Amino acid sequence: MNYPLISEYIDAIKSSEDNFEELSYLRPVFGDDGLPVMTGGNFAVVFKMKDERSGKFYAIKCFTKEQEGRAEAYREIAKELKDVSSPYILSIRYLEKELFVDTDQTTETEFPVLLMDWVEGKTLDKYLRENIEEKEKIEALLTAFFHLAEWLVTQPFAHGDLKPDNILVREDGSLVLVDYDGMFVPAMIGQKSRENGSPDFSHPQRSEEIFDEHIDDFSILSILLSLSIVFVNNNLLAKYGADGRLLFSKNDYENIQESEVFNNIPPIIGKITNYILLFEEACKDLYFHLKEKQLTPINVLIIELIIYSPGTSSLNITTSLYSFNSEDSTTPLRVLFEDNKKPNKSTGWQAALLLHILTIIFILILADEIWSGIGWGFCIGLFAWIFYYCDYVKKDGNTESCLWGCLLAILPIAIYYVFFECIYMLINNLKERRQLL
């Protein structure tokens, strides 16, 4: 089936009240150039429309090329998304023979449209490049994408063409997915993929036979790793990036060990996260499933990157003192951390200090000698600091640091036993000799 030209769609949309079957209450929004506000793609053009009754804005997607199975696919997608309540996904309606278009391309005059909520925002790629020097905005963007990824990998469906151009950044920094042409939903099990996604964000071996809830996993890792790299060193985007993609390309995926950008990833990312290992594994495994893996928690990643990133080391903070609210996907973690540093807030070191003092007092009461009681009370009280130190680092899984902390705390006890007792015995001997004299 042939479809109208974009210019023919424009003429039809201008008289939407006469050309829509069910959506006649929608009117086009015009730009400064006098044309309807619209965006174009490979298979469709999207117009911004306004509901004259409510004032709400919608997006009308009109198709310019045939795509096999599209009508049935959108019916299934609309049915699946109807019960999904998430800021990441838009509700959609697919309407057959909805828009009358006077066209020379075919004898047909009535064409399908897709109705969606209109989203004001910029594509992730454009937003990143416009704010490449704004450390906190990149931080917030990485935070928001991580939460989107966390949500998406748990869903029974997949977007199918996950790339920066299909991720919009709203004014408040939240993200939303658009363009559901390649989406997979459970009702499509056994079908072939209608498209294989963008080469620079899809597995290099992906084919139409690979079509399930895991098809976004590779794209998620590529975007997540790219954003992490840019957060550490924003100069790498200009060096390795290009229009339409972030850092990695299909050529990088096909030979990841020889990839220049892969071999120049800032070492701190590999030290803190498992993203590099997962990404390398995914490039080599067509059936890599991210849903079976564990991504490094975002608070560990971001806060440590804030510490080590150029220009931010003065913050001098660590994740173990940081409490992150996972339900807040838009607030920059730097801001949340600063809120956590409010004065008069009870902290672990205060509890350890209090327990240490109480231990000294308790041992002093039981001891026969004052100095001996103080010495042993001080050393035994050091165990409070051992527990505090272990709690301080346990969230990072740094067992080696815990071990060294224990040894450092036990060391003064050994020193006391060897030296203080010797000095104490020497003082007692001197006292006895003095009494004899």
Protein backbone atom coordinates (compact mmCIF):
# COMPACT_ATOMS: atom_id res chain seq x y z
CA MET A 1 0.00 0.00 0.00
CA ASN A 2 1.21 3.47 -0.88
CA TYR A 3 0.84 6.39 1.50
CA PRO A 4 0.49 10.17 0.97
CA LEU A 5 3.42 12.53 0.81
CA ILE A 6 4.19 14.68 3.83
CA SER A 7 3.02 17.76 1.92
CA GLU A 8 -0.33 16.05 1.29
CA TYR A 9 -0.63 15.19 4.99
CA ILE A 10 0.05 18.83 5.85
CA ASP A 11 -2.82 19.98 3.63
CA ALA A 12 -5.14 17.44 5.24
CA ILE A 13 -4.12 18.40 8.78
CA LYS A 14 -4.69 22.08 8.10
CA SER A 15 -8.39 21.26 7.65
CA SER A 16 -8.51 18.66 10.40
CA GLU A 17 -12.07 19.52 11.42
CA ASP A 18 -13.27 18.31 8.01
CA ASN A 19 -10.81 15.47 7.41
CA PHE A 20 -10.84 13.54 10.70
CA GLU A 21 -13.49 10.89 11.23
CA GLU A 22 -13.48 10.63 15.04
CA LEU A 23 -10.89 13.22 16.06
CA SER A 24 -12.52 16.25 14.46
CA TYR A 25 -12.16 18.18 17.72
CA LEU A 26 -8.38 18.36 17.20
CA ARG A 27 -6.74 21.38 15.58
CA PRO A 28 -3.14 21.71 14.35
CA VAL A 29 -0.69 23.90 16.25
CA PHE A 30 1.16 26.23 13.89
CA GLY A 31 4.78 27.34 14.15
CA ASP A 32 6.36 30.68 13.34
CA ASP A 33 6.79 29.55 9.74
CA GLY A 34 3.02 29.24 9.32
CA LEU A 35 3.18 25.44 9.00
CA PRO A 36 1.82 22.88 11.45
CA VAL A 37 4.34 21.91 14.15
CA MET A 38 5.64 18.47 13.15
CA THR A 39 8.55 16.06 13.28
CA GLY A 40 9.44 13.52 10.61
CA GLY A 41 10.99 10.05 10.62
CA ASN A 42 11.67 7.12 8.30
CA PHE A 43 8.15 5.74 8.34
CA ALA A 44 5.96 8.58 9.60
CA VAL A 45 5.37 12.23 10.36
CA VAL A 46 4.03 13.43 13.71
CA PHE A 47 1.85 16.56 14.08
CA LYS A 48 1.20 18.55 17.23
CA MET A 49 -2.55 18.93 17.77
CA LYS A 50 -4.70 20.71 20.34
CA ASP A 51 -7.99 19.50 21.77
CA GLU A 52 -10.30 22.52 21.39
CA ARG A 53 -12.53 21.24 24.20
CA SER A 54 -9.94 20.67 26.95
CA GLY A 55 -6.89 22.58 25.72
CA LYS A 56 -4.78 19.42 25.98
CA PHE A 57 -2.12 18.73 23.37
CA TYR A 58 -1.81 15.49 21.44
CA ALA A 59 0.47 13.96 18.84
CA ILE A 60 -1.00 12.53 15.64
CA LYS A 61 1.27 10.11 13.83
CA CYS A 62 0.64 9.70 10.10
CA PHE A 63 2.43 6.96 8.18
CA THR A 64 4.40 7.58 5.00
CA LYS A 65 5.66 4.05 4.25
CA GLU A 66 4.20 0.57 4.43
CA GLN A 67 5.33 -1.67 7.27
CA GLU A 68 4.12 -5.26 7.25
CA GLY A 69 1.99 -6.19 10.24
CA ARG A 70 1.88 -2.65 11.60
CA ALA A 71 -1.88 -2.38 12.07
CA GLU A 72 -2.20 -5.62 14.05
CA ALA A 73 0.97 -4.83 15.99
CA TYR A 74 -0.35 -1.45 17.12
CA ARG A 75 -3.61 -3.03 18.20
CA GLU A 76 -1.68 -5.44 20.41
CA ILE A 77 0.63 -2.68 21.69
CA ALA A 78 -2.29 -0.40 22.56
CA LYS A 79 -3.98 -3.26 24.40
CA GLU A 80 -0.80 -4.02 26.40
CA LEU A 81 -0.04 -0.39 27.29
CA LYS A 82 -3.62 0.41 28.29
CA ASP A 83 -3.02 -0.98 31.78
CA VAL A 84 0.56 0.26 32.16
CA SER A 85 0.83 3.18 34.55
CA SER A 86 4.26 4.72 34.12
CA PRO A 87 5.67 8.17 33.28
CA TYR A 88 8.02 6.43 30.85
CA ILE A 89 5.27 5.23 28.52
CA LEU A 90 2.54 7.09 26.60
CA SER A 91 -0.94 5.71 26.08
CA ILE A 92 -1.79 5.22 22.40
CA ARG A 93 -4.80 4.64 20.17
CA TYR A 94 -4.61 3.23 16.68
CA LEU A 95 -7.48 4.41 14.45
CA GLU A 96 -8.09 2.83 11.05
CA LYS A 97 -9.32 4.97 8.14
CA GLU A 98 -9.32 8.03 10.39
CA LEU A 99 -7.82 10.78 8.21
CA PHE A 100 -9.08 11.76 4.74
CA VAL A 101 -6.20 12.82 2.48
CA ASP A 102 -6.47 13.93 -1.12
CA THR A 103 -3.40 12.19 -2.57
CA ASP A 104 -1.93 11.31 -5.93
CA GLN A 105 0.06 8.37 -4.52
CA THR A 106 -2.80 5.88 -4.31
CA THR A 107 -6.48 5.46 -4.99
CA GLU A 108 -7.07 5.21 -1.24
CA THR A 109 -8.32 8.35 0.49
CA GLU A 110 -8.65 7.29 4.14
CA PHE A 111 -5.58 6.46 6.20
CA PRO A 112 -4.78 5.26 9.73
CA VAL A 113 -3.33 7.49 12.44
CA LEU A 114 -1.85 6.91 15.86
CA LEU A 115 -3.07 9.16 18.70
CA MET A 116 -0.68 9.88 21.61
CA ASP A 117 -0.15 12.48 24.30
CA TRP A 118 2.14 15.28 23.16
CA VAL A 119 5.40 15.50 25.11
CA GLU A 120 7.32 18.76 25.34
CA GLY A 121 10.97 17.90 25.52
CA LYS A 122 14.26 17.34 23.75
CA THR A 123 15.77 14.10 22.57
CA LEU A 124 18.33 12.65 24.96
CA ASP A 125 21.08 13.16 22.39
CA LYS A 126 20.25 16.83 21.85
CA TYR A 127 19.78 17.49 25.57
CA LEU A 128 23.15 15.90 26.38
CA ARG A 129 25.02 17.91 23.77
CA GLU A 130 23.39 21.18 24.76
CA ASN A 131 24.31 20.64 28.41
CA ILE A 132 27.67 18.94 27.93
CA GLU A 133 29.38 21.47 30.24
CA GLU A 134 26.70 21.22 32.94
CA LYS A 135 27.97 18.52 35.30
CA GLU A 136 24.85 18.42 37.45
CA LYS A 137 22.53 18.09 34.44
CA ILE A 138 24.52 15.16 33.08
CA GLU A 139 24.42 13.66 36.56
CA ALA A 140 20.63 14.02 36.66
CA LEU A 141 20.31 12.59 33.14
CA LEU A 142 22.38 9.52 34.05
CA THR A 143 20.32 9.07 37.21
CA ALA A 144 17.04 9.30 35.28
CA PHE A 145 18.19 6.87 32.59
CA PHE A 146 19.35 4.32 35.16
CA HIS A 147 15.89 4.34 36.71
CA LEU A 148 14.27 4.01 33.30
CA ALA A 149 16.55 1.02 32.63
CA GLU A 150 15.72 -0.53 36.01
CA TRP A 151 12.04 -0.24 35.21
CA LEU A 152 12.26 -1.39 31.60
CA VAL A 153 14.21 -4.61 32.21
CA THR A 154 11.48 -5.82 34.59
CA GLN A 155 8.67 -5.36 32.06
CA PRO A 156 7.21 -8.19 29.92
CA PHE A 157 7.51 -5.93 26.86
CA ALA A 158 10.37 -4.13 25.11
CA HIS A 159 10.63 -0.88 23.17
CA GLY A 160 12.48 -2.46 20.25
CA ASP A 161 14.35 0.63 19.02
CA LEU A 162 15.85 2.13 22.15
CA LYS A 163 18.13 5.01 21.17
CA PRO A 164 18.62 8.66 22.27
CA ASP A 165 16.33 9.98 19.51
CA ASN A 166 13.47 7.88 20.93
CA ILE A 167 14.01 9.09 24.51
CA LEU A 168 12.67 12.55 25.31
CA VAL A 169 13.87 14.64 28.25
CA ARG A 170 11.05 16.69 29.72
CA GLU A 171 11.59 20.15 31.19
CA ASP A 172 11.76 18.69 34.70
CA GLY A 173 14.47 16.22 33.63
CA SER A 174 12.24 13.13 33.56
CA LEU A 175 12.37 10.76 30.59
CA VAL A 176 9.70 9.28 28.33
CA LEU A 177 9.93 6.74 25.52
CA VAL A 178 8.43 7.53 22.11
CA ASP A 179 8.08 5.72 18.76
CA TYR A 180 6.66 2.28 19.44
CA ASP A 181 6.85 0.92 15.88
CA GLY A 182 9.24 -1.88 16.85
CA MET A 183 7.78 -2.71 20.27
CA PHE A 184 7.44 -6.28 21.50
CA VAL A 185 4.54 -7.32 23.74
CA PRO A 186 3.74 -10.84 25.06
CA ALA A 187 1.00 -11.33 22.46
CA MET A 188 3.73 -11.26 19.77
CA ILE A 189 5.61 -14.32 21.01
CA GLY A 190 6.71 -16.37 18.00
CA GLN A 191 6.50 -13.47 15.55
CA LYS A 192 9.39 -11.90 13.67
CA SER A 193 10.66 -8.43 14.42
CA ARG A 194 9.25 -5.69 12.21
CA GLU A 195 12.55 -3.78 12.46
CA ASN A 196 15.98 -4.47 13.95
CA GLY A 197 16.57 -1.14 15.62
CA SER A 198 19.31 1.38 14.91
CA PRO A 199 22.68 -0.27 14.11
CA ASP A 200 24.60 1.98 16.53
CA PHE A 201 22.41 0.92 19.47
CA SER A 202 21.51 -2.69 18.62
CA HIS A 203 23.43 -5.92 18.92
CA PRO A 204 25.52 -6.38 15.75
CA GLN A 205 24.08 -9.87 15.22
CA ARG A 206 20.45 -8.97 15.83
CA SER A 207 18.02 -10.20 13.17
CA GLU A 208 14.27 -10.38 12.68
CA GLU A 209 14.35 -13.81 14.35
CA ILE A 210 15.38 -12.21 17.65
CA PHE A 211 12.15 -10.73 19.00
CA ASP A 212 11.35 -10.94 22.70
CA GLU A 213 11.37 -8.91 25.93
CA HIS A 214 15.21 -8.86 25.93
CA ILE A 215 15.77 -6.88 22.73
CA ASP A 216 16.37 -3.63 24.67
CA ASP A 217 19.03 -5.11 26.95
CA PHE A 218 22.00 -4.40 24.69
CA SER A 219 20.80 -0.86 23.93
CA ILE A 220 20.39 -0.14 27.64
CA LEU A 221 23.98 -1.15 28.38
CA SER A 222 25.38 0.84 25.46
CA ILE A 223 23.55 4.03 26.49
CA LEU A 224 24.22 3.55 30.20
CA LEU A 225 27.94 3.03 29.67
CA SER A 226 28.14 5.97 27.24
CA LEU A 227 26.44 8.33 29.69
CA SER A 228 28.75 7.15 32.48
CA ILE A 229 31.81 7.81 30.32
CA VAL A 230 30.58 11.28 29.37
CA PHE A 231 29.87 12.06 33.03
CA VAL A 232 33.48 11.26 33.94
CA ASN A 233 35.02 12.95 30.90
CA ASN A 234 32.73 15.05 28.73
CA ASN A 235 35.50 15.67 26.19
CA LEU A 236 35.12 12.10 24.94
CA LEU A 237 31.73 12.85 23.39
CA ALA A 238 33.27 15.34 20.97
CA LYS A 239 36.17 12.96 20.30
CA TYR A 240 34.25 9.74 19.66
CA GLY A 241 30.62 10.78 19.23
CA ALA A 242 28.74 11.65 16.07
CA ASP A 243 25.33 12.80 14.92
CA GLY A 244 22.69 10.19 15.63
CA ARG A 245 24.75 8.23 18.16
CA LEU A 246 26.66 8.66 21.41
CA LEU A 247 30.10 7.03 21.76
CA PHE A 248 29.82 3.50 20.37
CA SER A 249 29.05 2.43 16.80
CA LYS A 250 28.27 -0.87 15.11
CA ASN A 251 31.96 -1.22 14.23
CA ASP A 252 32.87 -1.01 17.91
CA TYR A 253 30.38 -3.74 18.79
CA GLU A 254 31.67 -6.10 16.10
CA ASN A 255 35.23 -5.98 17.45
CA ILE A 256 34.96 -4.61 20.95
CA GLN A 257 38.54 -5.51 21.97
CA GLU A 258 39.91 -3.35 19.16
CA SER A 259 37.51 -0.47 19.80
CA GLU A 260 39.37 2.77 20.49
CA VAL A 261 36.59 4.24 22.65
CA PHE A 262 36.26 0.98 24.62
CA ASN A 263 39.99 0.91 25.32
CA ASN A 264 39.91 4.54 26.47
CA ILE A 265 37.10 4.23 29.01
CA PRO A 266 38.15 6.09 32.20
CA PRO A 267 39.51 3.44 34.63
CA ILE A 268 37.31 4.67 37.49
CA ILE A 269 34.20 3.30 35.73
CA GLY A 270 35.61 -0.21 35.62
CA LYS A 271 36.80 0.07 39.21
CA ILE A 272 33.38 1.04 40.57
CA THR A 273 30.84 -0.57 38.24
CA ASN A 274 30.27 -3.82 36.40
CA TYR A 275 29.07 -1.99 33.28
CA ILE A 276 32.24 -2.59 31.23
CA LEU A 277 32.30 -6.33 31.89
CA LEU A 278 28.59 -6.67 31.15
CA PHE A 279 28.93 -4.62 27.96
CA GLU A 280 31.86 -6.69 26.72
CA GLU A 281 29.93 -9.88 27.48
CA ALA A 282 26.85 -8.53 25.68
CA CYS A 283 28.83 -7.65 22.53
CA LYS A 284 29.96 -11.27 22.25
CA ASP A 285 26.66 -12.93 23.18
CA LEU A 286 23.62 -12.48 20.94
CA TYR A 287 21.39 -13.95 23.66
CA PHE A 288 22.71 -11.79 26.49
CA HIS A 289 19.91 -11.10 29.01
CA LEU A 290 20.32 -8.10 31.26
CA LYS A 291 17.31 -9.16 33.33
CA GLU A 292 19.42 -11.96 34.75
CA LYS A 293 22.28 -9.66 35.71
CA GLN A 294 22.82 -7.10 38.47
CA LEU A 295 23.66 -3.52 37.55
CA THR A 296 25.81 -1.52 39.94
CA PRO A 297 23.48 0.60 42.11
CA ILE A 298 23.23 4.13 40.81
CA ASN A 299 24.09 5.79 44.13
CA VAL A 300 27.41 3.94 44.30
CA LEU A 301 28.21 4.87 40.73
CA ILE A 302 27.24 8.54 40.78
CA ILE A 303 28.63 9.54 44.16
CA GLU A 304 31.98 7.88 43.50
CA LEU A 305 32.13 9.53 40.09
CA ILE A 306 31.44 12.89 41.73
CA ILE A 307 34.42 12.29 43.98
CA TYR A 308 36.83 11.40 41.21
CA SER A 309 35.54 13.55 38.35
CA PRO A 310 37.54 16.68 37.51
CA GLY A 311 36.28 19.74 39.35
CA THR A 312 34.19 17.86 41.87
CA SER A 313 36.75 16.15 44.12
CA SER A 314 36.34 18.89 46.73
CA LEU A 315 32.99 17.42 47.74
CA ASN A 316 34.84 14.69 49.67
CA ILE A 317 31.86 12.38 50.10
CA THR A 318 31.28 8.62 50.05
CA THR A 319 28.28 6.48 49.25
CA SER A 320 28.23 4.80 52.65
CA LEU A 321 27.06 8.04 54.22
CA TYR A 322 24.45 8.51 51.53
CA SER A 323 20.79 7.51 51.59
CA PHE A 324 19.12 7.46 48.18
CA ASN A 325 15.38 7.55 47.59
CA SER A 326 14.90 5.21 44.62
CA GLU A 327 11.43 6.55 43.97
CA ASP A 328 12.85 9.94 43.02
CA SER A 329 14.24 9.50 39.54
CA THR A 330 14.80 13.14 38.62
CA THR A 331 16.48 14.92 41.53
CA PRO A 332 20.28 15.11 41.06
CA LEU A 333 22.02 12.88 43.59
CA ARG A 334 24.35 15.73 44.56
CA VAL A 335 21.32 17.69 45.80
CA LEU A 336 19.90 14.71 47.67
CA PHE A 337 23.26 14.13 49.34
CA GLU A 338 23.56 17.74 50.45
CA ASP A 339 20.11 17.46 52.04
CA ASN A 340 21.40 14.44 53.92
CA LYS A 341 24.17 16.54 55.48
CA LYS A 342 21.86 18.74 57.54
CA PRO A 343 23.27 19.57 61.02
CA ASN A 344 22.09 17.93 64.24
CA LYS A 345 21.48 14.66 62.42
CA SER A 346 22.61 11.57 64.35
CA THR A 347 25.51 9.79 62.66
CA GLY A 348 27.37 6.53 63.11
CA TRP A 349 30.57 8.12 64.39
CA GLN A 350 28.67 9.87 67.20
CA ALA A 351 27.21 6.55 68.31
CA ALA A 352 30.64 4.90 68.21
CA LEU A 353 32.18 7.74 70.24
CA LEU A 354 29.44 7.55 72.88
CA LEU A 355 29.80 3.77 73.18
CA HIS A 356 33.58 4.16 73.48
CA ILE A 357 33.24 6.64 76.36
CA LEU A 358 30.66 4.47 78.15
CA THR A 359 32.98 1.45 77.81
CA ILE A 360 35.85 3.36 79.41
CA ILE A 361 33.61 4.45 82.30
CA PHE A 362 32.27 0.91 82.80
CA ILE A 363 35.75 -0.69 82.84
CA LEU A 364 37.04 2.08 85.10
CA ILE A 365 34.31 1.30 87.67
CA LEU A 366 35.26 -2.40 87.69
CA ALA A 367 39.03 -1.88 87.69
CA ASP A 368 41.17 -1.74 90.80
CA GLU A 369 43.65 0.69 89.29
CA ILE A 370 42.64 3.94 87.60
CA TRP A 371 45.25 3.93 84.84
CA SER A 372 44.79 0.27 84.12
CA GLY A 373 41.01 0.77 83.87
CA ILE A 374 41.38 3.72 81.53
CA GLY A 375 43.82 1.82 79.31
CA TRP A 376 41.73 -1.32 78.99
CA GLY A 377 38.51 0.72 78.64
CA PHE A 378 40.05 2.69 75.79
CA CYS A 379 41.23 -0.43 73.95
CA ILE A 380 38.05 -2.47 74.40
CA GLY A 381 36.02 0.56 73.36
CA LEU A 382 37.83 0.50 70.01
CA PHE A 383 35.58 -2.39 68.98
CA ALA A 384 32.73 0.14 68.67
CA TRP A 385 34.76 1.81 65.95
CA ILE A 386 35.36 -1.56 64.24
CA PHE A 387 31.61 -2.08 63.91
CA TYR A 388 31.15 1.49 62.70
CA TYR A 389 33.92 1.14 60.14
CA CYS A 390 32.54 -2.15 58.80
CA ASP A 391 29.10 -0.57 58.44
CA TYR A 392 30.76 2.41 56.75
CA VAL A 393 32.16 0.34 53.89
CA LYS A 394 29.89 -2.69 53.71
CA LYS A 395 27.57 -1.13 51.10
CA ASP A 396 30.50 -0.96 48.70
CA GLY A 397 31.29 -4.62 49.34
CA ASN A 398 34.84 -3.63 50.29
CA THR A 399 35.68 -6.57 52.56
CA GLU A 400 39.39 -5.85 52.26
CA SER A 401 38.86 -2.42 53.85
CA CYS A 402 36.80 -4.03 56.61
CA LEU A 403 39.67 -6.44 57.34
CA TRP A 404 42.23 -3.68 57.49
CA GLY A 405 39.90 -1.66 59.72
CA CYS A 406 39.69 -4.54 62.19
CA LEU A 407 43.46 -5.01 62.23
CA LEU A 408 44.04 -1.29 62.76
CA ALA A 409 41.61 -1.28 65.67
CA ILE A 410 43.13 -4.40 67.27
CA LEU A 411 46.67 -3.04 66.90
CA PRO A 412 46.37 -0.49 69.76
CA ILE A 413 45.18 -3.30 72.04
CA ALA A 414 48.34 -5.26 71.30
CA ILE A 415 50.45 -2.15 71.73
CA TYR A 416 48.78 -1.44 75.04
CA TYR A 417 49.27 -4.99 76.27
CA VAL A 418 52.96 -5.00 75.39
CA PHE A 419 53.96 -1.47 76.34
CA PHE A 420 51.40 -0.09 78.79
CA GLU A 421 51.50 -3.18 80.99
CA CYS A 422 55.30 -3.05 80.97
CA ILE A 423 55.27 0.62 81.96
CA TYR A 424 52.59 -0.10 84.57
CA MET A 425 54.70 -2.92 86.03
CA LEU A 426 57.77 -0.65 86.03
CA ILE A 427 55.87 2.06 87.92
CA ASN A 428 54.70 -0.50 90.50
CA ASN A 429 58.28 -1.74 90.95
CA LEU A 430 59.47 1.83 91.50
CA LYS A 431 56.71 2.35 94.06
CA GLU A 432 57.70 -0.82 95.93
CA ARG A 433 61.37 0.19 96.00
CA ARG A 434 60.43 3.66 97.24
CA GLN A 435 58.40 2.14 100.05
CA LEU A 436 61.30 -0.11 101.03
CA LEU A 437 63.58 2.91 101.22
